[in-house]
Amino acid sequence: MNIFEAYIGGMHNFFSIWFFCLFQVTPFFLAYITGLTMMETGDRKWTDALLSIITGGILCLIGFMAGYIILGASATSISNVIFGYLTILNQFGGVILLLMGLYFIGLFRIAEDKGKWYRRFGGLLIGFSFAMAYQPCVTPTLTSIYTLTKSSETINNGIWMLSFYSLGISTAFSIVGIAISKSLSIDVFKNIRIVIQRISGGLLITMSILILANWMTIYKSYLVGWLLHEH
């Protein structure tokens, strides 16, 4: 396997039947991007807010990739430490998602000069929270990568493969996220922008409840069962 195959494997994870597993986090990532779009756009044109939206989205994906790589590199000491505190980190992530959700629905406000930093750089923690809560399906490509990351002799190569695999997933997220963000910028949504923003916040709060109540496994089982039944 090379880095190109790992990258394509990550992309394929999104645009294939394996998407049902990624659906654990997909709606909530898109909820963050949507809420961010609504808040950043305001009365501005979408193109004027695009840099801010992309910044928040990229930071969210960096956080996701960092957590994904750390958890997947099981032969490293940092992975062992993270797994040892995974329950606590999940609870922390649930709180972060709850706060961002409450912010999006307007239950608390932050001065605009600080708010813009909160909603963008908060994406870094949100992405990391997604990775902590995510329970990936082991695709054929990921099986090969995990074989590398479980051995101290091949761990470095495994981390490279895992990095490009998660980059492939993140690229797919980016394509869909930007497309949805652009779609929501059209005039027809202008008068219901606050409604869309609050729905986005509600979805983030929903994920926080799933995490804090330790229901993510149940949620994944339901998704897998439902989607496999449909197909």
Protein backbone atom coordinates (compact mmCIF):
# COMPACT_ATOMS: atom_id res chain seq x y z
CA MET A 1 0.00 0.00 0.00
CA ASN A 2 1.13 3.56 -0.71
CA ILE A 3 -0.14 6.96 0.45
CA PHE A 4 -2.22 7.45 -2.71
CA GLU A 5 -4.08 4.18 -2.12
CA ALA A 6 -4.62 5.13 1.52
CA TYR A 7 -5.98 8.54 0.48
CA ILE A 8 -8.34 7.03 -2.11
CA GLY A 9 -9.42 4.48 0.50
CA GLY A 10 -10.45 7.32 2.80
CA MET A 11 -12.39 9.03 0.01
CA HIS A 12 -14.03 5.73 -0.90
CA ASN A 13 -15.11 5.33 2.72
CA PHE A 14 -17.37 8.35 2.23
CA PHE A 15 -18.66 7.61 -1.27
CA SER A 16 -19.52 3.93 -0.81
CA ILE A 17 -21.58 1.58 1.35
CA TRP A 18 -19.10 2.25 4.18
CA PHE A 19 -20.68 5.69 4.45
CA PHE A 20 -23.21 4.22 6.89
CA CYS A 21 -20.44 4.06 9.49
CA LEU A 22 -19.28 7.62 8.85
CA PHE A 23 -22.89 8.68 9.33
CA GLN A 24 -22.09 8.52 13.04
CA VAL A 25 -20.49 11.94 12.70
CA THR A 26 -21.46 13.25 9.25
CA PRO A 27 -24.74 15.00 10.22
CA PHE A 28 -23.04 16.69 13.14
CA PHE A 29 -20.03 17.89 11.14
CA LEU A 30 -22.43 19.33 8.57
CA ALA A 31 -24.45 20.88 11.41
CA TYR A 32 -21.32 22.68 12.61
CA ILE A 33 -20.51 23.91 9.09
CA THR A 34 -24.11 25.01 8.57
CA GLY A 35 -24.32 26.87 11.88
CA LEU A 36 -20.94 28.47 11.21
CA THR A 37 -22.13 29.53 7.73
CA MET A 38 -25.27 31.14 9.11
CA MET A 39 -23.39 33.07 11.79
CA GLU A 40 -20.47 34.13 9.62
CA THR A 41 -22.62 35.18 6.68
CA GLY A 42 -25.12 37.35 8.57
CA ASP A 43 -25.94 40.23 6.24
CA ARG A 44 -22.78 39.69 4.17
CA LYS A 45 -22.38 37.86 0.91
CA TRP A 46 -21.31 34.23 1.16
CA THR A 47 -18.10 35.00 -0.71
CA ASP A 48 -17.17 37.64 1.90
CA ALA A 49 -17.63 35.08 4.69
CA LEU A 50 -16.01 32.18 2.80
CA LEU A 51 -12.55 32.54 4.37
CA SER A 52 -14.03 32.41 7.87
CA ILE A 53 -16.19 29.38 6.98
CA ILE A 54 -13.25 27.53 5.42
CA THR A 55 -11.04 28.35 8.43
CA GLY A 56 -13.57 26.88 10.85
CA GLY A 57 -14.11 23.83 8.66
CA ILE A 58 -10.40 23.14 8.20
CA LEU A 59 -9.70 23.49 11.92
CA CYS A 60 -12.56 21.09 12.66
CA LEU A 61 -11.10 18.55 10.24
CA ILE A 62 -7.59 19.01 11.66
CA GLY A 63 -8.98 18.22 15.10
CA PHE A 64 -10.77 15.17 13.69
CA MET A 65 -7.66 13.93 11.88
CA ALA A 66 -5.47 14.39 14.95
CA GLY A 67 -7.80 12.36 17.13
CA TYR A 68 -8.35 9.73 14.42
CA ILE A 69 -4.62 9.24 13.87
CA ILE A 70 -3.79 9.10 17.57
CA LEU A 71 -6.47 6.50 18.28
CA GLY A 72 -5.55 4.44 15.21
CA ALA A 73 -1.82 4.36 15.95
CA SER A 74 -2.28 1.74 18.66
CA ALA A 75 1.42 0.88 18.98
CA THR A 76 2.31 4.38 20.22
CA SER A 77 2.46 5.43 23.85
CA ILE A 78 0.25 8.47 23.26
CA SER A 79 -2.47 6.19 21.88
CA ASN A 80 -2.32 4.09 25.05
CA VAL A 81 -2.64 7.22 27.17
CA ILE A 82 -5.61 8.48 25.12
CA PHE A 83 -7.37 5.11 25.37
CA GLY A 84 -6.81 5.19 29.13
CA TYR A 85 -8.64 8.49 29.39
CA LEU A 86 -11.07 7.95 26.51
CA THR A 87 -14.18 8.05 28.71
CA ILE A 88 -13.13 11.37 30.24
CA LEU A 89 -12.19 12.80 26.84
CA ASN A 90 -15.56 11.72 25.45
CA GLN A 91 -17.37 13.48 28.28
CA PHE A 92 -15.27 16.59 27.71
CA GLY A 93 -16.12 16.44 24.01
CA GLY A 94 -19.80 16.13 24.84
CA VAL A 95 -19.61 19.32 26.88
CA ILE A 96 -17.81 21.15 24.05
CA LEU A 97 -20.52 20.12 21.58
CA LEU A 98 -23.22 21.15 24.04
CA LEU A 99 -21.73 24.62 24.47
CA MET A 100 -21.39 25.17 20.72
CA GLY A 101 -24.95 23.94 20.21
CA LEU A 102 -26.28 26.32 22.84
CA TYR A 103 -24.30 29.12 21.23
CA PHE A 104 -25.80 28.38 17.81
CA ILE A 105 -29.37 28.33 19.12
CA GLY A 106 -28.76 31.61 20.94
CA LEU A 107 -29.08 30.57 24.59
CA PHE A 108 -25.89 32.43 25.39
CA ARG A 109 -24.04 35.14 23.54
CA ILE A 110 -20.43 36.18 23.17
CA ALA A 111 -19.20 39.60 22.08
CA GLU A 112 -18.60 39.49 18.32
CA ASP A 113 -14.85 40.11 18.52
CA LYS A 114 -14.51 37.06 20.78
CA GLY A 115 -17.36 35.10 19.21
CA LYS A 116 -15.67 34.87 15.82
CA TRP A 117 -12.65 33.22 17.44
CA TYR A 118 -14.86 30.92 19.52
CA ARG A 119 -16.91 29.57 16.62
CA ARG A 120 -13.89 29.11 14.35
CA PHE A 121 -11.21 27.82 16.69
CA GLY A 122 -13.82 25.94 18.70
CA GLY A 123 -14.00 23.78 15.59
CA LEU A 124 -10.61 22.32 16.49
CA LEU A 125 -12.02 20.89 19.74
CA ILE A 126 -15.25 19.87 18.03
CA GLY A 127 -13.34 17.89 15.41
CA PHE A 128 -11.28 16.20 18.11
CA SER A 129 -14.50 15.40 19.97
CA PHE A 130 -15.91 13.79 16.83
CA ALA A 131 -12.82 11.57 16.59
CA MET A 132 -13.07 10.50 20.24
CA ALA A 133 -16.74 9.54 19.83
CA TYR A 134 -16.41 7.97 16.37
CA GLN A 135 -16.27 4.18 16.15
CA PRO A 136 -14.96 3.48 12.63
CA CYS A 137 -15.93 0.45 10.60
CA VAL A 138 -12.83 -1.48 9.60
CA THR A 139 -12.83 -1.21 5.81
CA PRO A 140 -10.42 -3.38 3.73
CA THR A 141 -8.04 -0.42 3.41
CA LEU A 142 -8.22 0.35 7.11
CA THR A 143 -7.59 -3.31 7.94
CA SER A 144 -4.28 -3.12 6.07
CA ILE A 145 -3.37 0.13 7.79
CA TYR A 146 -4.19 -1.19 11.27
CA THR A 147 -1.90 -4.13 10.59
CA LEU A 148 0.92 -1.59 10.24
CA THR A 149 -0.05 0.57 13.23
CA LYS A 150 -0.18 -2.39 15.65
CA SER A 151 3.52 -3.19 15.27
CA SER A 152 6.34 -1.04 16.62
CA GLU A 153 8.41 -2.03 13.58
CA THR A 154 5.93 -0.64 11.05
CA ILE A 155 4.23 2.04 13.14
CA ASN A 156 5.82 4.99 11.30
CA ASN A 157 4.64 3.73 7.94
CA GLY A 158 1.24 2.98 9.48
CA ILE A 159 0.90 6.54 10.78
CA TRP A 160 1.65 7.89 7.29
CA MET A 161 -1.00 5.63 5.77
CA LEU A 162 -3.50 6.52 8.50
CA SER A 163 -2.79 10.23 7.98
CA PHE A 164 -3.59 10.04 4.28
CA TYR A 165 -6.60 7.80 4.91
CA SER A 166 -8.07 10.38 7.31
CA LEU A 167 -7.12 13.13 4.84
CA GLY A 168 -9.21 11.32 2.24
CA ILE A 169 -12.19 11.27 4.60
CA SER A 170 -11.63 14.95 5.40
CA THR A 171 -11.46 15.84 1.71
CA ALA A 172 -14.86 14.23 1.18
CA PHE A 173 -16.25 16.08 4.19
CA SER A 174 -14.85 19.34 2.77
CA ILE A 175 -16.44 18.86 -0.64
CA VAL A 176 -19.87 18.13 0.82
CA GLY A 177 -19.55 20.81 3.51
CA ILE A 178 -18.66 23.59 1.07
CA ALA A 179 -21.42 22.50 -1.32
CA ILE A 180 -24.03 22.66 1.45
CA SER A 181 -22.65 25.95 2.75
CA LYS A 182 -22.90 27.48 -0.73
CA SER A 183 -26.41 26.09 -1.24
CA LEU A 184 -27.61 27.69 1.98
CA SER A 185 -26.33 31.10 0.86
CA ILE A 186 -29.01 31.56 -1.81
CA ASP A 187 -31.73 34.15 -1.24
CA VAL A 188 -34.48 31.62 -0.59
CA PHE A 189 -32.86 30.74 2.76
CA LYS A 190 -32.15 34.33 3.79
CA ASN A 191 -35.36 34.80 5.79
CA ILE A 192 -35.00 31.51 7.67
CA ARG A 193 -31.29 31.75 8.38
CA ILE A 194 -31.82 31.92 12.14
CA VAL A 195 -34.06 28.84 11.98
CA ILE A 196 -31.38 26.87 10.12
CA GLN A 197 -28.77 28.06 12.61
CA ARG A 198 -30.88 26.85 15.54
CA ILE A 199 -31.54 23.49 13.91
CA SER A 200 -27.77 23.13 13.51
CA GLY A 201 -27.33 23.92 17.18
CA GLY A 202 -29.99 21.37 18.05
CA LEU A 203 -28.12 18.66 16.15
CA LEU A 204 -24.90 19.43 18.02
CA ILE A 205 -26.82 19.25 21.30
CA THR A 206 -28.27 15.91 20.19
CA MET A 207 -24.78 14.50 19.66
CA SER A 208 -23.65 15.86 23.01
CA ILE A 209 -26.53 14.00 24.69
CA LEU A 210 -25.61 10.78 22.85
CA ILE A 211 -22.02 11.12 24.08
CA LEU A 212 -22.77 12.18 27.64
CA ALA A 213 -25.38 9.43 28.05
CA ASN A 214 -22.98 6.88 26.51
CA TRP A 215 -25.48 6.09 23.74
CA MET A 216 -23.12 6.41 20.74
CA THR A 217 -22.77 2.62 20.48
CA ILE A 218 -26.56 2.24 20.46
CA TYR A 219 -26.80 4.99 17.83
CA LYS A 220 -24.20 3.25 15.64
CA SER A 221 -25.96 -0.12 16.00
CA TYR A 222 -29.25 1.46 14.98
CA LEU A 223 -27.67 3.14 11.95
CA VAL A 224 -25.92 -0.02 10.79
CA GLY A 225 -29.06 -2.12 11.24
CA TRP A 226 -31.30 0.38 9.47
CA LEU A 227 -28.99 1.09 6.56
CA LEU A 228 -28.15 -2.56 5.95
CA HIS A 229 -31.86 -3.37 6.02
CA GLU A 230 -32.51 -0.63 3.46
CA HIS A 231 -29.82 -1.99 1.17
